[in-house]
Amino acid sequence: MAVEEDIVFPLLETVPSESPAIAEVKVEHEVIRRAMGAAEDAILAADRSLFKKVHAELAAELSVHTKHENQLLAYAMESCLGAKRELLIKIARL
């Protein structure tokens, strides 16, 4: 998420767009961080039932987020030219 927030999002923010997609994926990152924290708390408490619940929620959030980011990246790839496009291609391969 740090690579996305420090490199990808600032790059995508330079692509002309009417879409609120970047703001949406930033919010999704916060949701994922909270879910990761809840999973960590469940592990530290050795609470299997809680972990099972928060793990399922985390997996669902990650799935939605990945699809959303893939859509955003596909749009950006169509909109970018030159060095920005090449950088997005390299990042997408990571």
N, C-alpha and C. Protein backbone atom coordinates (compact mmCIF):
# COMPACT_ATOMS: atom_id res chain seq x y z
N MET A 1 0.82 -1.18 0.00
CA MET A 1 0.00 0.00 0.00
C MET A 1 0.87 1.25 0.00
N ALA A 2 2.05 1.18 0.62
CA ALA A 2 2.92 2.35 0.65
C ALA A 2 3.37 2.74 -0.76
N VAL A 3 3.70 1.75 -1.58
CA VAL A 3 4.10 2.05 -2.97
C VAL A 3 2.95 2.73 -3.71
N GLU A 4 1.76 2.22 -3.52
CA GLU A 4 0.60 2.83 -4.17
C GLU A 4 0.41 4.27 -3.69
N GLU A 5 0.46 4.47 -2.39
CA GLU A 5 0.20 5.79 -1.84
C GLU A 5 1.31 6.79 -2.14
N ASP A 6 2.55 6.32 -2.17
CA ASP A 6 3.68 7.22 -2.37
C ASP A 6 4.03 7.44 -3.84
N ILE A 7 3.73 6.47 -4.69
CA ILE A 7 4.14 6.57 -6.09
C ILE A 7 2.96 6.54 -7.05
N VAL A 8 2.13 5.51 -6.94
CA VAL A 8 1.07 5.32 -7.94
C VAL A 8 -0.01 6.40 -7.84
N PHE A 9 -0.53 6.65 -6.65
CA PHE A 9 -1.62 7.62 -6.53
C PHE A 9 -1.20 9.02 -6.99
N PRO A 10 -0.03 9.53 -6.55
CA PRO A 10 0.37 10.84 -7.06
C PRO A 10 0.50 10.86 -8.59
N LEU A 11 0.97 9.77 -9.15
CA LEU A 11 1.08 9.70 -10.61
C LEU A 11 -0.31 9.72 -11.25
N LEU A 12 -1.22 8.93 -10.72
CA LEU A 12 -2.58 8.87 -11.28
C LEU A 12 -3.32 10.19 -11.10
N GLU A 13 -2.99 10.91 -10.05
CA GLU A 13 -3.65 12.19 -9.82
C GLU A 13 -3.28 13.22 -10.88
N THR A 14 -2.23 12.97 -11.65
CA THR A 14 -1.84 13.88 -12.74
C THR A 14 -2.57 13.55 -14.03
N VAL A 15 -3.31 12.43 -14.05
CA VAL A 15 -4.07 12.04 -15.23
C VAL A 15 -5.42 12.75 -15.18
N PRO A 16 -5.75 13.52 -16.22
CA PRO A 16 -7.05 14.20 -16.20
C PRO A 16 -8.19 13.19 -16.07
N SER A 17 -9.06 13.45 -15.12
CA SER A 17 -10.17 12.53 -14.90
C SER A 17 -11.27 13.23 -14.12
N GLU A 18 -12.47 12.87 -14.41
CA GLU A 18 -13.63 13.37 -13.66
C GLU A 18 -13.96 12.40 -12.53
N SER A 19 -13.28 11.27 -12.51
CA SER A 19 -13.62 10.18 -11.59
C SER A 19 -13.08 10.42 -10.19
N PRO A 20 -13.87 10.08 -9.17
CA PRO A 20 -13.39 10.16 -7.79
C PRO A 20 -12.64 8.89 -7.37
N ALA A 21 -12.22 8.07 -8.35
CA ALA A 21 -11.68 6.75 -8.06
C ALA A 21 -10.46 6.76 -7.13
N ILE A 22 -9.55 7.71 -7.30
CA ILE A 22 -8.36 7.72 -6.45
C ILE A 22 -8.75 7.98 -5.00
N ALA A 23 -9.65 8.91 -4.78
CA ALA A 23 -10.11 9.17 -3.41
C ALA A 23 -10.77 7.93 -2.83
N GLU A 24 -11.51 7.22 -3.66
CA GLU A 24 -12.19 6.00 -3.20
C GLU A 24 -11.18 4.93 -2.79
N VAL A 25 -10.13 4.72 -3.58
CA VAL A 25 -9.17 3.68 -3.21
C VAL A 25 -8.35 4.09 -2.00
N LYS A 26 -8.16 5.38 -1.79
CA LYS A 26 -7.49 5.83 -0.57
C LYS A 26 -8.33 5.48 0.66
N VAL A 27 -9.63 5.67 0.55
CA VAL A 27 -10.53 5.29 1.65
C VAL A 27 -10.47 3.78 1.86
N GLU A 28 -10.44 3.03 0.76
CA GLU A 28 -10.34 1.57 0.86
C GLU A 28 -9.07 1.16 1.60
N HIS A 29 -7.97 1.87 1.39
CA HIS A 29 -6.73 1.56 2.11
C HIS A 29 -6.93 1.70 3.61
N GLU A 30 -7.65 2.73 4.02
CA GLU A 30 -7.91 2.92 5.45
C GLU A 30 -8.76 1.78 6.00
N VAL A 31 -9.76 1.35 5.25
CA VAL A 31 -10.60 0.23 5.66
C VAL A 31 -9.75 -1.03 5.81
N ILE A 32 -8.86 -1.25 4.86
CA ILE A 32 -7.98 -2.43 4.90
C ILE A 32 -7.05 -2.36 6.10
N ARG A 33 -6.50 -1.18 6.37
CA ARG A 33 -5.62 -1.04 7.54
C ARG A 33 -6.37 -1.36 8.84
N ARG A 34 -7.60 -0.89 8.95
CA ARG A 34 -8.39 -1.19 10.16
C ARG A 34 -8.65 -2.70 10.26
N ALA A 35 -8.96 -3.33 9.13
CA ALA A 35 -9.21 -4.78 9.15
C ALA A 35 -7.93 -5.53 9.52
N MET A 36 -6.79 -5.06 9.02
CA MET A 36 -5.52 -5.70 9.39
C MET A 36 -5.25 -5.54 10.89
N GLY A 37 -5.57 -4.37 11.42
CA GLY A 37 -5.40 -4.14 12.86
C GLY A 37 -6.31 -5.05 13.67
N ALA A 38 -7.54 -5.24 13.21
CA ALA A 38 -8.47 -6.13 13.91
C ALA A 38 -7.96 -7.57 13.86
N ALA A 39 -7.40 -7.96 12.73
CA ALA A 39 -6.85 -9.32 12.61
C ALA A 39 -5.66 -9.48 13.56
N GLU A 40 -4.82 -8.47 13.63
CA GLU A 40 -3.68 -8.52 14.55
C GLU A 40 -4.15 -8.62 16.00
N ASP A 41 -5.16 -7.85 16.35
CA ASP A 41 -5.70 -7.90 17.72
C ASP A 41 -6.24 -9.28 18.04
N ALA A 42 -6.93 -9.89 17.08
CA ALA A 42 -7.48 -11.24 17.29
C ALA A 42 -6.37 -12.26 17.47
N ILE A 43 -5.30 -12.11 16.70
CA ILE A 43 -4.15 -13.03 16.83
C ILE A 43 -3.51 -12.86 18.21
N LEU A 44 -3.29 -11.62 18.60
CA LEU A 44 -2.66 -11.37 19.90
C LEU A 44 -3.51 -11.88 21.05
N ALA A 45 -4.83 -11.84 20.88
CA ALA A 45 -5.74 -12.33 21.91
C ALA A 45 -5.97 -13.84 21.80
N ALA A 46 -5.38 -14.44 20.78
CA ALA A 46 -5.56 -15.87 20.51
C ALA A 46 -7.05 -16.23 20.42
N ASP A 47 -7.81 -15.34 19.80
CA ASP A 47 -9.25 -15.52 19.65
C ASP A 47 -9.54 -16.01 18.23
N ARG A 48 -9.65 -17.32 18.10
CA ARG A 48 -9.84 -17.92 16.77
C ARG A 48 -11.14 -17.50 16.11
N SER A 49 -12.21 -17.45 16.85
CA SER A 49 -13.49 -17.11 16.23
C SER A 49 -13.49 -15.66 15.75
N LEU A 50 -12.92 -14.78 16.53
CA LEU A 50 -12.81 -13.38 16.11
C LEU A 50 -11.90 -13.27 14.88
N PHE A 51 -10.78 -13.98 14.91
CA PHE A 51 -9.87 -13.94 13.77
C PHE A 51 -10.55 -14.44 12.51
N LYS A 52 -11.30 -15.52 12.64
CA LYS A 52 -12.00 -16.07 11.48
C LYS A 52 -12.93 -15.01 10.88
N LYS A 53 -13.64 -14.30 11.74
CA LYS A 53 -14.57 -13.26 11.29
C LYS A 53 -13.82 -12.11 10.62
N VAL A 54 -12.81 -11.57 11.28
CA VAL A 54 -12.11 -10.40 10.72
C VAL A 54 -11.28 -10.78 9.50
N HIS A 55 -10.79 -12.02 9.46
CA HIS A 55 -10.06 -12.48 8.29
C HIS A 55 -10.97 -12.53 7.07
N ALA A 56 -12.18 -13.01 7.25
CA ALA A 56 -13.14 -13.05 6.15
C ALA A 56 -13.46 -11.63 5.67
N GLU A 57 -13.61 -10.71 6.61
CA GLU A 57 -13.88 -9.32 6.24
C GLU A 57 -12.70 -8.70 5.50
N LEU A 58 -11.49 -8.98 5.98
CA LEU A 58 -10.28 -8.47 5.34
C LEU A 58 -10.15 -9.03 3.93
N ALA A 59 -10.39 -10.31 3.76
CA ALA A 59 -10.30 -10.94 2.44
C ALA A 59 -11.31 -10.32 1.48
N ALA A 60 -12.51 -10.06 1.96
CA ALA A 60 -13.54 -9.45 1.12
C ALA A 60 -13.14 -8.03 0.72
N GLU A 61 -12.64 -7.26 1.67
CA GLU A 61 -12.19 -5.89 1.38
C GLU A 61 -11.05 -5.89 0.36
N LEU A 62 -10.11 -6.80 0.54
CA LEU A 62 -8.98 -6.88 -0.40
C LEU A 62 -9.44 -7.25 -1.80
N SER A 63 -10.40 -8.13 -1.90
CA SER A 63 -10.91 -8.55 -3.20
C SER A 63 -11.57 -7.37 -3.92
N VAL A 64 -12.43 -6.65 -3.22
CA VAL A 64 -13.10 -5.49 -3.80
C VAL A 64 -12.07 -4.43 -4.20
N HIS A 65 -11.13 -4.20 -3.32
CA HIS A 65 -10.11 -3.18 -3.56
C HIS A 65 -9.25 -3.53 -4.77
N THR A 66 -8.85 -4.77 -4.89
CA THR A 66 -8.02 -5.19 -6.02
C THR A 66 -8.76 -4.98 -7.34
N LYS A 67 -10.02 -5.34 -7.39
CA LYS A 67 -10.82 -5.13 -8.61
C LYS A 67 -10.92 -3.64 -8.94
N HIS A 68 -11.16 -2.84 -7.92
CA HIS A 68 -11.29 -1.39 -8.12
C HIS A 68 -9.98 -0.81 -8.64
N GLU A 69 -8.86 -1.19 -8.03
CA GLU A 69 -7.57 -0.69 -8.48
C GLU A 69 -7.26 -1.14 -9.90
N ASN A 70 -7.60 -2.36 -10.24
CA ASN A 70 -7.35 -2.84 -11.60
C ASN A 70 -8.13 -2.01 -12.62
N GLN A 71 -9.35 -1.65 -12.28
CA GLN A 71 -10.15 -0.79 -13.17
C GLN A 71 -9.51 0.58 -13.32
N LEU A 72 -9.08 1.14 -12.20
CA LEU A 72 -8.45 2.45 -12.21
C LEU A 72 -7.15 2.43 -13.02
N LEU A 73 -6.37 1.39 -12.83
CA LEU A 73 -5.11 1.28 -13.55
C LEU A 73 -5.35 1.10 -15.04
N ALA A 74 -6.34 0.32 -15.41
CA ALA A 74 -6.66 0.12 -16.83
C ALA A 74 -7.05 1.46 -17.47
N TYR A 75 -7.86 2.24 -16.77
CA TYR A 75 -8.26 3.55 -17.29
C TYR A 75 -7.03 4.46 -17.43
N ALA A 76 -6.18 4.46 -16.41
CA ALA A 76 -4.99 5.31 -16.44
C ALA A 76 -4.06 4.92 -17.57
N MET A 77 -3.94 3.62 -17.81
CA MET A 77 -3.06 3.15 -18.88
C MET A 77 -3.54 3.67 -20.23
N GLU A 78 -4.85 3.77 -20.40
CA GLU A 78 -5.41 4.28 -21.65
C GLU A 78 -5.20 5.79 -21.76
N SER A 79 -5.12 6.47 -20.62
CA SER A 79 -5.06 7.93 -20.60
C SER A 79 -3.64 8.48 -20.60
N CYS A 80 -2.67 7.68 -20.17
CA CYS A 80 -1.30 8.15 -20.03
C CYS A 80 -0.50 7.87 -21.30
N LEU A 81 0.46 8.74 -21.51
CA LEU A 81 1.39 8.56 -22.62
C LEU A 81 2.81 8.73 -22.09
N GLY A 82 3.76 8.26 -22.86
CA GLY A 82 5.16 8.50 -22.55
C GLY A 82 5.64 7.87 -21.27
N ALA A 83 6.43 8.66 -20.53
CA ALA A 83 7.10 8.16 -19.33
C ALA A 83 6.12 7.72 -18.25
N LYS A 84 5.01 8.44 -18.11
CA LYS A 84 4.01 8.05 -17.10
C LYS A 84 3.46 6.67 -17.40
N ARG A 85 3.17 6.42 -18.66
CA ARG A 85 2.63 5.11 -19.05
C ARG A 85 3.64 4.01 -18.79
N GLU A 86 4.89 4.27 -19.15
CA GLU A 86 5.95 3.27 -18.92
C GLU A 86 6.11 2.97 -17.44
N LEU A 87 6.03 4.00 -16.61
CA LEU A 87 6.13 3.79 -15.16
C LEU A 87 4.97 2.97 -14.64
N LEU A 88 3.76 3.26 -15.11
CA LEU A 88 2.60 2.47 -14.69
C LEU A 88 2.74 1.01 -15.11
N ILE A 89 3.25 0.77 -16.29
CA ILE A 89 3.46 -0.60 -16.75
C ILE A 89 4.43 -1.33 -15.82
N LYS A 90 5.53 -0.67 -15.47
CA LYS A 90 6.52 -1.30 -14.56
C LYS A 90 5.90 -1.59 -13.19
N ILE A 91 5.13 -0.66 -12.68
CA ILE A 91 4.52 -0.84 -11.38
C ILE A 91 3.48 -1.96 -11.43
N ALA A 92 2.73 -2.04 -12.51
CA ALA A 92 1.71 -3.08 -12.65
C ALA A 92 2.32 -4.47 -12.64
N ARG A 93 3.56 -4.58 -13.05
CA ARG A 93 4.25 -5.89 -13.09
C ARG A 93 4.72 -6.36 -11.71
N LEU A 94 4.75 -5.43 -10.75
CA LEU A 94 5.26 -5.79 -9.40
C LEU A 94 4.41 -6.81 -8.72
